[in-house]
PDB file of N, CA and C in Angstrom:
ATOM      1  N   MET A   1      92.242  -4.234 -59.113  1.00  0.00           N
ATOM      2  CA  MET A   1      91.339  -3.379 -57.543  1.00  0.00           C
ATOM      3  C   MET A   1      91.592  -4.067 -56.494  1.00  0.00           C
ATOM      4  N   ALA A   2      92.217  -3.405 -55.503  1.00  0.00           N
ATOM      5  CA  ALA A   2      92.424  -3.352 -53.789  1.00  0.00           C
ATOM      6  C   ALA A   2      91.877  -4.476 -52.990  1.00  0.00           C
ATOM      7  N   THR A   3      92.943  -5.024 -52.483  1.00  0.00           N
ATOM      8  CA  THR A   3      92.621  -6.540 -51.520  1.00  0.00           C
ATOM      9  C   THR A   3      92.846  -5.770 -50.440  1.00  0.00           C
ATOM     10  N   TYR A   4      91.392  -5.345 -49.724  1.00  0.00           N
ATOM     11  CA  TYR A   4      92.088  -5.722 -48.100  1.00  0.00           C
ATOM     12  C   TYR A   4      92.630  -6.718 -47.259  1.00  0.00           C
ATOM     13  N   GLU A   5      92.699  -6.100 -45.931  1.00  0.00           N
ATOM     14  CA  GLU A   5      93.983  -7.742 -45.599  1.00  0.00           C
ATOM     15  C   GLU A   5      94.210  -7.075 -43.979  1.00  0.00           C
ATOM     16  N   CYS A   6      93.109  -8.777 -43.306  1.00  0.00           N
ATOM     17  CA  CYS A   6      92.841  -7.801 -41.835  1.00  0.00           C
ATOM     18  C   CYS A   6      94.450  -8.624 -41.621  1.00  0.00           C
ATOM     19  N   LYS A   7      95.422  -7.633 -40.102  1.00  0.00           N
ATOM     20  CA  LYS A   7      97.060  -8.353 -39.846  1.00  0.00           C
ATOM     21  C   LYS A   7      96.336  -8.776 -39.126  1.00  0.00           C
ATOM     22  N   SER A   8      95.316  -9.242 -38.463  1.00  0.00           N
ATOM     23  CA  SER A   8      95.065  -9.951 -37.634  1.00  0.00           C
ATOM     24  C   SER A   8      95.217 -11.168 -37.840  1.00  0.00           C
ATOM     25  N   CYS A   9      93.522 -11.811 -38.149  1.00  0.00           N
ATOM     26  CA  CYS A   9      93.168 -13.272 -38.685  1.00  0.00           C
ATOM     27  C   CYS A   9      93.496 -13.155 -40.231  1.00  0.00           C
ATOM     28  N   GLY A  10      93.375 -12.583 -41.059  1.00  0.00           N
ATOM     29  CA  GLY A  10      94.060 -12.347 -42.277  1.00  0.00           C
ATOM     30  C   GLY A  10      92.948 -13.092 -43.263  1.00  0.00           C
ATOM     31  N   MET A  11      91.314 -12.833 -43.324  1.00  0.00           N
ATOM     32  CA  MET A  11      90.683 -12.359 -44.441  1.00  0.00           C
ATOM     33  C   MET A  11      90.914 -10.791 -44.686  1.00  0.00           C
ATOM     34  N   ALA A  12      90.468 -11.277 -45.581  1.00  0.00           N
ATOM     35  CA  ALA A  12      90.855 -10.344 -47.113  1.00  0.00           C
ATOM     36  C   ALA A  12      89.277 -10.045 -47.776  1.00  0.00           C
ATOM     37  N   VAL A  13      89.205  -8.905 -48.367  1.00  0.00           N
ATOM     38  CA  VAL A  13      88.111  -8.406 -49.194  1.00  0.00           C
ATOM     39  C   VAL A  13      88.439  -7.515 -50.345  1.00  0.00           C
ATOM     40  N   ASN A  14      87.807  -7.562 -52.035  1.00  0.00           N
ATOM     41  CA  ASN A  14      88.051  -6.408 -52.391  1.00  0.00           C
ATOM     42  C   ASN A  14      86.474  -6.561 -52.616  1.00  0.00           C
ATOM     43  N   ALA A  15      86.393  -4.832 -52.984  1.00  0.00           N
ATOM     44  CA  ALA A  15      85.321  -3.536 -52.461  1.00  0.00           C
ATOM     45  C   ALA A  15      84.808  -3.354 -54.703  1.00  0.00           C
ATOM     46  N   SER A  16      84.354  -3.540 -55.319  1.00  0.00           N
ATOM     47  CA  SER A  16      83.970  -2.303 -56.107  1.00  0.00           C
ATOM     48  C   SER A  16      82.713  -1.837 -55.750  1.00  0.00           C
ATOM     49  N   CYS A  17      82.204  -0.485 -56.772  1.00  0.00           N
ATOM     50  CA  CYS A  17      81.024   0.234 -56.977  1.00  0.00           C
ATOM     51  C   CYS A  17      79.996  -0.179 -57.163  1.00  0.00           C
ATOM     52  N   ALA A  18      78.392  -0.279 -55.727  1.00  0.00           N
ATOM     53  CA  ALA A  18      77.586  -0.656 -56.650  1.00  0.00           C
ATOM     54  C   ALA A  18      76.507   0.706 -57.705  1.00  0.00           C
ATOM     55  N   LYS A  19      76.299   1.183 -57.363  1.00  0.00           N
ATOM     56  CA  LYS A  19      76.629   3.050 -58.526  1.00  0.00           C
ATOM     57  C   LYS A  19      76.760   2.132 -59.611  1.00  0.00           C
ATOM     58  N   CYS A  20      78.224   2.181 -60.084  1.00  0.00           N
ATOM     59  CA  CYS A  20      78.775   1.901 -61.419  1.00  0.00           C
ATOM     60  C   CYS A  20      79.859   0.957 -61.981  1.00  0.00           C
ATOM     61  N   ASP A  21      79.888  -0.613 -60.129  1.00  0.00           N
ATOM     62  CA  ASP A  21      80.456  -1.454 -60.846  1.00  0.00           C
ATOM     63  C   ASP A  21      82.235  -1.139 -60.957  1.00  0.00           C
ATOM     64  N   GLN A  22      82.696  -0.330 -60.655  1.00  0.00           N
ATOM     65  CA  GLN A  22      83.945  -0.389 -60.709  1.00  0.00           C
ATOM     66  C   GLN A  22      85.041  -0.869 -59.953  1.00  0.00           C
ATOM     67  N   ALA A  23      85.382  -1.464 -59.833  1.00  0.00           N
ATOM     68  CA  ALA A  23      86.403  -2.132 -58.694  1.00  0.00           C
ATOM     69  C   ALA A  23      86.870  -0.299 -57.762  1.00  0.00           C
ATOM     70  N   LEU A  24      86.916  -0.486 -56.213  1.00  0.00           N
ATOM     71  CA  LEU A  24      87.945   0.775 -55.858  1.00  0.00           C
ATOM     72  C   LEU A  24      88.627   0.625 -55.851  1.00  0.00           C
ATOM     73  N   GLU A  25      89.581   1.957 -55.382  1.00  0.00           N
ATOM     74  CA  GLU A  25      90.496   1.655 -54.970  1.00  0.00           C
ATOM     75  C   GLU A  25      91.230   2.425 -54.252  1.00  0.00           C
ATOM     76  N   ASN A  26      92.336   1.454 -53.862  1.00  0.00           N
ATOM     77  CA  ASN A  26      92.781   2.360 -52.150  1.00  0.00           C
ATOM     78  C   ASN A  26      93.763   3.781 -52.466  1.00  0.00           C
ATOM     79  N   ASP A  27      93.180   4.985 -52.005  1.00  0.00           N
ATOM     80  CA  ASP A  27      93.757   6.602 -51.595  1.00  0.00           C
ATOM     81  C   ASP A  27      93.496   6.946 -49.950  1.00  0.00           C
ATOM     82  N   ILE A  28      94.571   8.298 -50.422  1.00  0.00           N
ATOM     83  CA  ILE A  28      94.691   8.260 -48.602  1.00  0.00           C
ATOM     84  C   ILE A  28      92.964  10.001 -49.053  1.00  0.00           C
ATOM     85  N   LEU A  29      92.688  10.707 -47.198  1.00  0.00           N
ATOM     86  CA  LEU A  29      92.086  10.936 -47.682  1.00  0.00           C
ATOM     87  C   LEU A  29      92.476  12.243 -46.518  1.00  0.00           C
ATOM     88  N   VAL A  30      92.830  13.540 -46.500  1.00  0.00           N
ATOM     89  CA  VAL A  30      93.060  14.818 -46.051  1.00  0.00           C
ATOM     90  C   VAL A  30      92.416  15.468 -44.896  1.00  0.00           C
ATOM     91  N   LEU A  31      92.728  15.047 -43.732  1.00  0.00           N
ATOM     92  CA  LEU A  31      91.564  16.040 -43.121  1.00  0.00           C
ATOM     93  C   LEU A  31      91.687  17.545 -43.284  1.00  0.00           C
ATOM     94  N   PRO A  32      90.894  18.186 -42.596  1.00  0.00           N
ATOM     95  CA  PRO A  32      91.393  19.965 -42.613  1.00  0.00           C
ATOM     96  C   PRO A  32      92.395  19.684 -41.418  1.00  0.00           C
ATOM     97  N   ASP A  33      93.054  19.035 -40.508  1.00  0.00           N
ATOM     98  CA  ASP A  33      93.905  19.216 -39.213  1.00  0.00           C
ATOM     99  C   ASP A  33      94.426  18.734 -39.967  1.00  0.00           C
ATOM    100  N   GLY A  34      94.743  17.933 -40.843  1.00  0.00           N
ATOM    101  CA  GLY A  34      96.534  17.319 -41.539  1.00  0.00           C
ATOM    102  C   GLY A  34      96.017  16.095 -41.035  1.00  0.00           C
ATOM    103  N   ARG A  35      95.464  15.119 -40.021  1.00  0.00           N
ATOM    104  CA  ARG A  35      95.065  13.512 -40.428  1.00  0.00           C
ATOM    105  C   ARG A  35      94.809  13.313 -41.398  1.00  0.00           C
ATOM    106  N   GLU A  36      96.098  11.803 -41.964  1.00  0.00           N
ATOM    107  CA  GLU A  36      94.945  11.785 -43.288  1.00  0.00           C
ATOM    108  C   GLU A  36      94.249  10.196 -42.289  1.00  0.00           C
ATOM    109  N   VAL A  37      93.704   9.566 -43.785  1.00  0.00           N
ATOM    110  CA  VAL A  37      92.727   8.183 -42.883  1.00  0.00           C
ATOM    111  C   VAL A  37      92.598   7.977 -44.839  1.00  0.00           C
ATOM    112  N   GLN A  38      92.837   6.149 -44.074  1.00  0.00           N
ATOM    113  CA  GLN A  38      92.776   5.412 -45.850  1.00  0.00           C
ATOM    114  C   GLN A  38      91.109   5.252 -46.026  1.00  0.00           C
ATOM    115  N   ILE A  39      90.870   5.135 -47.677  1.00  0.00           N
ATOM    116  CA  ILE A  39      89.716   5.170 -48.109  1.00  0.00           C
ATOM    117  C   ILE A  39      89.766   4.499 -48.939  1.00  0.00           C
ATOM    118  N   SER A  40      88.216   3.722 -49.749  1.00  0.00           N
ATOM    119  CA  SER A  40      88.416   3.106 -50.638  1.00  0.00           C
ATOM    120  C   SER A  40      87.893   4.121 -51.999  1.00  0.00           C
ATOM    121  N   ILE A  41      88.643   3.941 -52.877  1.00  0.00           N
ATOM    122  CA  ILE A  41      87.488   5.453 -53.916  1.00  0.00           C
ATOM    123  C   ILE A  41      87.994   4.817 -55.172  1.00  0.00           C
ATOM    124  N   CYS A  42      86.194   4.985 -55.830  1.00  0.00           N
ATOM    125  CA  CYS A  42      85.030   5.149 -57.377  1.00  0.00           C
ATOM    126  C   CYS A  42      86.211   6.316 -58.206  1.00  0.00           C
ATOM    127  N   ARG A  43      87.142   5.464 -58.975  1.00  0.00           N
ATOM    128  CA  ARG A  43      87.450   6.658 -59.301  1.00  0.00           C
ATOM    129  C   ARG A  43      86.350   7.427 -60.792  1.00  0.00           C
ATOM    130  N   SER A  44      85.174   5.610 -60.486  1.00  0.00           N
ATOM    131  CA  SER A  44      84.671   6.964 -62.071  1.00  0.00           C
ATOM    132  C   SER A  44      83.874   7.755 -61.547  1.00  0.00           C
ATOM    133  N   CYS A  45      82.388   7.132 -60.639  1.00  0.00           N
ATOM    134  CA  CYS A  45      81.984   8.070 -59.970  1.00  0.00           C
ATOM    135  C   CYS A  45      82.696   8.972 -58.196  1.00  0.00           C
ATOM    136  N   GLU A  46      83.616   9.055 -58.574  1.00  0.00           N
ATOM    137  CA  GLU A  46      84.572   9.196 -56.739  1.00  0.00           C
ATOM    138  C   GLU A  46      83.051   9.460 -56.012  1.00  0.00           C
ATOM    139  N   GLY A  47      83.099   8.284 -55.878  1.00  0.00           N
ATOM    140  CA  GLY A  47      82.778   7.012 -54.760  1.00  0.00           C
ATOM    141  C   GLY A  47      83.442   7.446 -53.389  1.00  0.00           C
ATOM    142  N   LYS A  48      83.569   7.613 -51.643  1.00  0.00           N
ATOM    143  CA  LYS A  48      84.463   8.150 -50.985  1.00  0.00           C
ATOM    144  C   LYS A  48      83.278   6.859 -50.610  1.00  0.00           C
ATOM    145  N   ILE A  49      84.157   6.105 -49.762  1.00  0.00           N
ATOM    146  CA  ILE A  49      83.901   5.392 -48.290  1.00  0.00           C
ATOM    147  C   ILE A  49      85.214   4.662 -47.747  1.00  0.00           C
ATOM    148  N   LYS A  50      85.223   4.787 -45.974  1.00  0.00           N
ATOM    149  CA  LYS A  50      85.959   4.311 -45.170  1.00  0.00           C
ATOM    150  C   LYS A  50      86.841   3.460 -45.453  1.00  0.00           C
ATOM    151  N   SER A  51      87.526   2.893 -45.446  1.00  0.00           N
ATOM    152  CA  SER A  51      87.965   1.627 -46.076  1.00  0.00           C
ATOM    153  C   SER A  51      88.277   0.090 -45.055  1.00  0.00           C
ATOM    154  N   PRO A  52      87.350  -0.826 -45.252  1.00  0.00           N
ATOM    155  CA  PRO A  52      86.813  -1.540 -44.282  1.00  0.00           C
ATOM    156  C   PRO A  52      88.069  -2.173 -42.962  1.00  0.00           C
ATOM    157  N   GLN A  53      86.841  -2.622 -42.026  1.00  0.00           N
ATOM    158  CA  GLN A  53      88.391  -3.011 -40.492  1.00  0.00           C
ATOM    159  C   GLN A  53      87.599  -3.969 -40.549  1.00  0.00           C
ATOM    160  N   CYS A  54      88.610  -5.231 -39.346  1.00  0.00           N
ATOM    161  CA  CYS A  54      87.964  -6.832 -39.146  1.00  0.00           C
ATOM    162  C   CYS A  54      89.148  -6.522 -37.596  1.00  0.00           C
ATOM    163  N   CYS A  55      88.445  -6.537 -36.910  1.00  0.00           N
ATOM    164  CA  CYS A  55      88.817  -7.192 -36.788  1.00  0.00           C
ATOM    165  C   CYS A  55      89.310  -6.596 -34.462  1.00  0.00           C
ATOM    166  N   GLY A  56      88.485  -5.047 -35.532  1.00  0.00           N
ATOM    167  CA  GLY A  56      88.344  -4.046 -34.759  1.00  0.00           C
ATOM    168  C   GLY A  56      89.586  -2.675 -35.055  1.00  0.00           C
ATOM    169  N   VAL A  57      90.076  -3.311 -36.403  1.00  0.00           N
ATOM    170  CA  VAL A  57      91.114  -2.189 -36.452  1.00  0.00           C
ATOM    171  C   VAL A  57      91.420  -2.440 -37.724  1.00  0.00           C
ATOM    172  N   ASP A  58      91.237  -1.441 -39.103  1.00  0.00           N
ATOM    173  CA  ASP A  58      91.368  -1.138 -40.397  1.00  0.00           C
ATOM    174  C   ASP A  58      92.240  -1.407 -40.541  1.00  0.00           C
ATOM    175  N   MET A  59      91.900  -2.631 -41.876  1.00  0.00           N
ATOM    176  CA  MET A  59      92.639  -2.917 -42.864  1.00  0.00           C
ATOM    177  C   MET A  59      93.485  -2.786 -43.457  1.00  0.00           C
ATOM    178  N   THR A  60      94.552  -3.576 -43.938  1.00  0.00           N
ATOM    179  CA  THR A  60      95.297  -3.389 -44.754  1.00  0.00           C
ATOM    180  C   THR A  60      95.919  -3.006 -45.952  1.00  0.00           C
ATOM    181  N   CYS A  61      95.766  -2.136 -46.937  1.00  0.00           N
ATOM    182  CA  CYS A  61      95.597  -2.665 -48.949  1.00  0.00           C
ATOM    183  C   CYS A  61      97.277  -2.103 -49.316  1.00  0.00           C
ATOM    184  N   ALA A  62      98.268  -3.410 -49.224  1.00  0.00           N
ATOM    185  CA  ALA A  62      98.910  -2.759 -50.894  1.00  0.00           C
ATOM    186  C   ALA A  62      98.814  -1.967 -51.344  1.00  0.00           C
ATOM    187  N   VAL A  63      99.883  -1.161 -51.926  1.00  0.00           N
ATOM    188  CA  VAL A  63      99.562  -0.919 -53.088  1.00  0.00           C
ATOM    189  C   VAL A  63     100.766  -1.150 -53.918  1.00  0.00           C
TER     190      VAL A  63
END
């Protein structure tokens, strides 16, 4: 399971899919213009969410 941590305050979260109860994994979504966005993905049902934010910035995840 990916652990996302705030570099500002140290808050950390783990996330799982409410649909199939699988742990979300860190991934990158490449947008049509080539930009990359950090996301959390469920490998079971392929659901995706924008990775969590804290203190106004994206939380990071070491993989």
